[in-house]
Amino acid sequence: MSIWSRILGRGSQAAPRRATAATPEAKPSASPEQNLIEALKGIGYKKTLDRPTDPDAIVNTVVQAMLARQACDTDRTFETGEKNPQRILCSDNECPCNDRAALIIGSTAYLHISQAVVDFRKDCRTLLEREMVLQQMVKRSGAGILLVDNGVANPFYLCETGARRRGLDLAVALADAKQVAETGFAPLSPTPLAKKG
């Protein structure tokens, strides 16, 4: 599907493989966008885009999305919305760390890009495309609740303990975290595992 079809809301998009919908107490009067926002809040997902309302803002959003898509295609990356984060904590649900210490870019902050993230984001490389795909999933499901597995729509930061437990290549994970923090774009490839030996 072309970027223009997605932006203008024409056509349909196949649902990503690891996303599921459920129907507990959907509010019939709520719009799909309100349902999406509530569902994503429920799983701790932060909305990175606000839909513009005036014509100039709409044009600006489309232009920015086109520039972001061009950068993604040129550099084989995807947009994360994580540029210049103010505070980074380990977001690995499987990590035993509990000190809640802030992670430092270039030193203690690592990034995990799973194969599921790559599979999901290969067809929705910009933030605008990602939000539209998620909204289409809500509309198609007929439900008010959307469940997206942790680490499927975006990569996540983790501490060294979490990175080691997952067996990640620490140098690559450290460099990827730095790239995302500085540019807001991540490589469209999973974080490699550390070489044994």
Protein backbone atom coordinates (compact mmCIF):
# COMPACT_ATOMS: atom_id res chain seq x y z
CA MET A 1 0.00 0.00 0.00
CA SER A 2 1.36 3.43 -0.86
CA ILE A 3 2.16 6.07 1.73
CA TRP A 4 -0.55 8.31 0.23
CA SER A 5 -3.16 5.60 0.61
CA ARG A 6 -2.21 5.20 4.25
CA ILE A 7 -2.20 8.94 4.94
CA LEU A 8 -5.51 9.50 3.17
CA GLY A 9 -7.04 6.39 4.77
CA ARG A 10 -7.67 4.40 1.61
CA GLY A 11 -7.20 0.66 1.29
CA SER A 12 -6.47 -1.83 4.03
CA GLN A 13 -3.37 -3.06 5.78
CA ALA A 14 -2.79 -6.60 6.97
CA ALA A 15 -2.56 -6.84 10.72
CA PRO A 16 0.90 -7.52 12.15
CA ARG A 17 1.36 -11.12 13.22
CA ARG A 18 1.97 -10.69 16.95
CA ALA A 19 -0.85 -8.26 17.72
CA THR A 20 -4.18 -9.41 19.09
CA ALA A 21 -7.49 -7.78 19.88
CA ALA A 22 -9.83 -8.42 22.79
CA THR A 23 -13.31 -7.12 23.51
CA PRO A 24 -13.74 -6.41 27.22
CA GLU A 25 -16.32 -3.65 27.72
CA ALA A 26 -15.71 -1.67 24.53
CA LYS A 27 -17.37 1.74 24.65
CA PRO A 28 -19.63 1.99 21.60
CA SER A 29 -19.73 5.81 21.70
CA ALA A 30 -15.94 6.21 21.70
CA SER A 31 -14.15 6.86 18.43
CA PRO A 32 -11.56 4.35 17.16
CA GLU A 33 -8.82 6.87 17.98
CA GLN A 34 -10.09 7.26 21.58
CA ASN A 35 -10.28 3.47 21.90
CA LEU A 36 -6.72 3.19 20.59
CA ILE A 37 -5.41 5.79 23.04
CA GLU A 38 -7.13 4.10 25.99
CA ALA A 39 -5.95 0.64 24.94
CA LEU A 40 -2.38 1.78 24.51
CA LYS A 41 -2.42 3.62 27.85
CA GLY A 42 -3.58 0.39 29.46
CA ILE A 43 -0.43 -1.42 28.37
CA GLY A 44 1.91 1.46 29.14
CA TYR A 45 2.42 2.46 25.52
CA LYS A 46 3.10 6.14 24.96
CA LYS A 47 1.41 7.88 22.04
CA THR A 48 4.02 9.74 20.05
CA LEU A 49 1.84 11.60 17.58
CA ASP A 50 -1.06 13.98 17.96
CA ARG A 51 -3.39 14.30 15.01
CA PRO A 52 -3.20 17.87 13.64
CA THR A 53 -6.43 19.80 13.14
CA ASP A 54 -5.56 22.89 11.09
CA PRO A 55 -4.58 22.67 7.39
CA ASP A 56 -1.03 24.01 7.86
CA ALA A 57 -0.30 21.48 10.59
CA ILE A 58 -1.71 18.66 8.45
CA VAL A 59 0.53 19.62 5.53
CA ASN A 60 3.52 19.90 7.88
CA THR A 61 2.79 16.45 9.33
CA VAL A 62 2.59 14.90 5.85
CA VAL A 63 5.82 16.61 4.77
CA GLN A 64 7.62 15.47 7.94
CA ALA A 65 6.31 11.92 7.43
CA MET A 66 7.55 11.93 3.82
CA LEU A 67 11.00 13.17 4.91
CA ALA A 68 11.09 10.56 7.68
CA ARG A 69 10.11 7.82 5.21
CA GLN A 70 12.80 8.95 2.78
CA ALA A 71 15.40 8.82 5.58
CA CYS A 72 14.14 5.35 6.61
CA ASP A 73 14.40 4.04 3.06
CA THR A 74 17.84 5.57 2.47
CA ASP A 75 19.36 4.43 5.77
CA ARG A 76 17.33 1.19 6.25
CA THR A 77 15.97 2.43 9.58
CA PHE A 78 12.61 3.08 11.25
CA GLU A 79 11.42 6.04 13.30
CA THR A 80 11.09 5.48 17.05
CA GLY A 81 10.06 8.83 18.53
CA GLU A 82 12.76 8.42 21.20
CA LYS A 83 15.06 11.29 20.15
CA ASN A 84 16.73 13.12 23.06
CA PRO A 85 15.00 11.21 25.88
CA GLN A 86 15.10 13.04 29.19
CA ARG A 87 15.31 9.97 31.40
CA ILE A 88 15.93 6.36 30.40
CA LEU A 89 15.13 3.39 32.61
CA CYS A 90 15.46 -0.32 31.94
CA SER A 91 12.21 -1.36 30.22
CA ASP A 92 12.95 -5.09 30.04
CA ASN A 93 10.13 -6.94 31.79
CA GLU A 94 12.39 -9.99 32.09
CA CYS A 95 15.27 -8.12 33.76
CA PRO A 96 15.71 -8.65 37.53
CA CYS A 97 17.10 -5.13 38.09
CA ASN A 98 15.10 -3.09 40.57
CA ASP A 99 17.29 -0.09 41.41
CA ARG A 100 15.42 2.12 38.89
CA ALA A 101 18.66 3.99 38.22
CA ALA A 102 18.66 6.20 35.12
CA LEU A 103 20.61 4.71 32.22
CA ILE A 104 23.28 6.79 30.50
CA ILE A 105 23.54 6.98 26.72
CA GLY A 106 26.91 5.75 25.51
CA SER A 107 27.66 4.05 28.83
CA THR A 108 24.88 2.04 30.51
CA ALA A 109 21.91 2.27 28.10
CA TYR A 110 21.46 -0.60 25.65
CA LEU A 111 18.75 -1.09 23.02
CA HIS A 112 16.97 -4.33 22.17
CA ILE A 113 15.49 -4.58 18.68
CA SER A 114 13.71 -7.92 18.40
CA GLN A 115 12.83 -9.74 15.19
CA ALA A 116 9.17 -9.06 16.07
CA VAL A 117 9.86 -5.30 15.99
CA VAL A 118 11.57 -5.62 12.60
CA ASP A 119 8.64 -7.70 11.25
CA PHE A 120 6.09 -5.17 12.53
CA ARG A 121 7.95 -2.01 11.47
CA LYS A 122 9.09 -3.09 7.98
CA ASP A 123 5.69 -1.96 6.64
CA CYS A 124 5.20 1.03 8.94
CA ARG A 125 8.59 2.68 9.13
CA THR A 126 7.51 6.16 10.27
CA LEU A 127 5.61 7.11 13.41
CA LEU A 128 2.67 8.31 11.31
CA GLU A 129 2.48 4.98 9.49
CA ARG A 130 2.74 3.08 12.78
CA GLU A 131 -0.13 5.05 14.35
CA MET A 132 -2.29 4.49 11.26
CA VAL A 133 -1.62 0.74 11.26
CA LEU A 134 -2.60 0.53 14.93
CA GLN A 135 -5.76 2.57 14.31
CA GLN A 136 -6.72 0.31 11.40
CA MET A 137 -6.27 -2.70 13.67
CA VAL A 138 -8.72 -1.17 16.16
CA LYS A 139 -11.24 -0.37 13.42
CA ARG A 140 -11.04 -3.87 11.94
CA SER A 141 -11.33 -5.61 15.29
CA GLY A 142 -14.62 -3.89 16.15
CA ALA A 143 -13.30 -3.82 19.72
CA GLY A 144 -12.21 -1.06 21.98
CA ILE A 145 -9.10 -2.77 23.28
CA LEU A 146 -5.90 -3.55 21.41
CA LEU A 147 -3.14 -5.62 22.95
CA VAL A 148 0.35 -5.28 21.46
CA ASP A 149 3.13 -7.40 22.94
CA ASN A 150 5.86 -5.46 24.75
CA GLY A 151 8.70 -4.68 22.36
CA VAL A 152 6.75 -5.31 19.14
CA ALA A 153 5.83 -1.79 18.01
CA ASN A 154 9.13 -0.25 19.15
CA PRO A 155 12.49 -1.40 20.51
CA PHE A 156 13.22 -0.77 24.17
CA TYR A 157 16.10 0.37 26.34
CA LEU A 158 17.56 -1.99 28.89
CA CYS A 159 20.44 -2.09 31.35
CA GLU A 160 23.60 -4.17 30.98
CA THR A 161 22.14 -6.93 33.16
CA GLY A 162 19.11 -7.23 30.88
CA ALA A 163 21.27 -7.09 27.74
CA ARG A 164 23.56 -9.85 29.06
CA ARG A 165 20.61 -12.03 30.13
CA ARG A 166 19.23 -11.79 26.60
CA GLY A 167 22.66 -12.65 25.20
CA LEU A 168 22.86 -9.47 23.10
CA ASP A 169 26.00 -8.19 21.42
CA LEU A 170 26.73 -5.43 23.95
CA ALA A 171 28.72 -3.23 21.55
CA VAL A 172 25.90 -3.22 18.97
CA ALA A 173 23.17 -2.71 21.59
CA LEU A 174 25.13 0.20 23.11
CA ALA A 175 25.69 1.81 19.68
CA ASP A 176 22.03 1.34 18.69
CA ALA A 177 20.87 3.03 21.92
CA LYS A 178 23.14 5.98 21.16
CA GLN A 179 21.86 6.20 17.57
CA VAL A 180 18.20 6.18 18.65
CA ALA A 181 18.78 8.77 21.39
CA GLU A 182 20.60 11.09 18.99
CA THR A 183 18.48 10.66 15.84
CA GLY A 184 15.14 9.05 16.76
CA PHE A 185 15.77 6.32 14.15
CA ALA A 186 16.77 2.69 14.77
CA PRO A 187 18.31 0.14 12.38
CA LEU A 188 15.75 -2.10 10.70
CA SER A 189 17.53 -5.24 11.87
CA PRO A 190 17.37 -7.24 15.09
CA THR A 191 20.07 -6.77 17.70
CA PRO A 192 22.59 -9.57 17.08
CA LEU A 193 23.47 -12.04 19.79
CA ALA A 194 26.93 -12.05 21.35
CA LYS A 195 29.40 -14.39 19.72
CA LYS A 196 30.17 -17.43 21.83
CA GLY A 197 33.77 -18.15 22.66
